[in-house]
Amino acid sequence: MVDRFGDICDDPMVELMRLRQKRSVGEYHEEFDVIITRLNLTQEYILSCFLGGLKKDIQMMVRMFQPNSLQRAFALARMYEAANLDNGLNKSREESWVLHRILQWKKY
């Protein structure tokens, strides 16, 4: 039956709507890209879907800077994630550095 009709359960839009960040931003972005390449969506909708699938804390920070592209949203999400990894460093210093970098980057 699959040979005749194809995989009827293969619906990239359903996959996209169910996709949520579970591990790193980079891994989420890779999964997201695999699905997006199978769909024909506007850049605005792609950006909205990407943001909607991020972990809530990352999503809120990224939305605060109103990114206008997927690349910008991804970069912001990675910077925020990097600043919040528990690696024994002074978090307030890291967060200040990342916020400073984001504010500089937003000027461009």
Protein backbone atom coordinates (compact mmCIF):
# COMPACT_ATOMS: atom_id res chain seq x y z
CA MET A 1 0.00 0.00 0.00
CA VAL A 2 2.88 2.38 0.80
CA ASP A 3 4.31 1.67 -2.66
CA ARG A 4 1.05 2.70 -4.29
CA PHE A 5 0.07 5.74 -2.22
CA GLY A 6 3.32 6.76 -0.55
CA ASP A 7 3.73 7.35 3.14
CA ILE A 8 0.38 8.91 4.05
CA CYS A 9 1.67 9.65 7.55
CA ASP A 10 4.50 11.78 6.17
CA ASP A 11 3.25 15.31 6.79
CA PRO A 12 6.04 17.85 7.28
CA MET A 13 3.57 20.50 8.45
CA VAL A 14 2.46 18.26 11.31
CA GLU A 15 6.12 17.60 12.14
CA LEU A 16 6.79 21.33 12.16
CA MET A 17 3.85 22.09 14.44
CA ARG A 18 5.00 19.39 16.90
CA LEU A 19 8.69 20.30 16.87
CA ARG A 20 9.94 21.74 20.16
CA GLN A 21 13.44 22.45 21.38
CA LYS A 22 14.47 19.65 23.71
CA ARG A 23 18.25 19.90 23.66
CA SER A 24 20.53 22.63 22.34
CA VAL A 25 19.51 25.49 20.07
CA GLY A 26 21.86 24.10 17.42
CA GLU A 27 20.20 20.68 17.46
CA TYR A 28 16.75 22.27 17.34
CA HIS A 29 17.84 24.42 14.37
CA GLU A 30 19.10 21.33 12.50
CA GLU A 31 15.81 19.48 13.04
CA PHE A 32 13.89 22.60 12.05
CA ASP A 33 15.89 22.98 8.81
CA VAL A 34 15.23 19.38 7.79
CA ILE A 35 11.49 19.95 8.04
CA ILE A 36 11.45 23.45 6.52
CA THR A 37 13.21 22.29 3.35
CA ARG A 38 10.19 20.09 2.65
CA LEU A 39 7.72 22.97 2.85
CA ASN A 40 7.03 26.11 0.85
CA LEU A 41 6.40 28.76 3.52
CA THR A 42 6.98 32.50 3.76
CA GLN A 43 10.02 33.72 5.66
CA GLU A 44 7.76 35.41 8.21
CA TYR A 45 5.93 32.16 8.92
CA ILE A 46 9.19 30.21 9.14
CA LEU A 47 10.53 32.72 11.66
CA SER A 48 7.32 32.53 13.69
CA CYS A 49 7.45 28.72 13.77
CA PHE A 50 11.11 28.73 14.78
CA LEU A 51 10.47 31.12 17.65
CA GLY A 52 7.41 29.19 18.77
CA GLY A 53 9.40 25.99 19.14
CA LEU A 54 12.18 27.44 21.29
CA LYS A 55 12.27 26.86 25.04
CA LYS A 56 10.20 29.58 26.73
CA ASP A 57 13.07 31.47 28.37
CA ILE A 58 15.05 31.56 25.13
CA GLN A 59 11.97 32.43 23.10
CA MET A 60 11.11 35.41 25.30
CA MET A 61 14.63 36.83 25.13
CA VAL A 62 14.86 36.42 21.35
CA ARG A 63 11.42 37.96 20.76
CA MET A 64 12.46 40.96 22.85
CA PHE A 65 14.92 41.90 20.07
CA GLN A 66 12.33 41.46 17.30
CA PRO A 67 14.52 39.53 14.86
CA ASN A 68 13.55 39.95 11.22
CA SER A 69 15.16 36.75 9.92
CA LEU A 70 15.67 33.15 10.93
CA GLN A 71 19.43 33.66 10.93
CA ARG A 72 19.19 36.56 13.38
CA ALA A 73 16.81 34.64 15.65
CA PHE A 74 19.13 31.64 15.62
CA ALA A 75 22.16 33.79 16.48
CA LEU A 76 20.33 35.48 19.35
CA ALA A 77 19.11 32.14 20.69
CA ARG A 78 22.63 30.68 20.58
CA MET A 79 24.10 33.69 22.37
CA TYR A 80 21.48 33.49 25.10
CA GLU A 81 21.98 29.75 25.46
CA ALA A 82 25.76 30.17 25.69
CA ALA A 83 25.39 32.79 28.39
CA ASN A 84 23.16 30.56 30.46
CA LEU A 85 25.15 27.34 30.39
CA ASP A 86 26.17 26.37 33.88
CA ASN A 87 29.91 26.07 33.44
CA GLY A 88 31.09 27.45 36.75
CA LEU A 89 31.74 30.99 35.50
CA ASN A 90 30.21 34.12 36.93
CA LYS A 91 26.80 34.17 35.27
CA SER A 92 26.16 37.88 35.78
CA ARG A 93 29.43 38.68 33.99
CA GLU A 94 28.54 36.34 31.12
CA GLU A 95 25.02 37.69 30.83
CA SER A 96 26.33 41.24 30.77
CA TRP A 97 28.78 40.35 28.02
CA VAL A 98 26.12 38.61 25.92
CA LEU A 99 23.64 41.44 26.41
CA HIS A 100 26.33 43.92 25.41
CA ARG A 101 27.10 41.87 22.26
CA ILE A 102 23.42 41.60 21.38
CA LEU A 103 22.88 45.33 21.76
CA GLN A 104 25.91 46.04 19.56
CA TRP A 105 24.68 43.49 17.01
CA LYS A 106 21.18 45.00 16.97
CA LYS A 107 22.61 48.32 15.78
CA TYR A 108 23.50 46.72 12.41
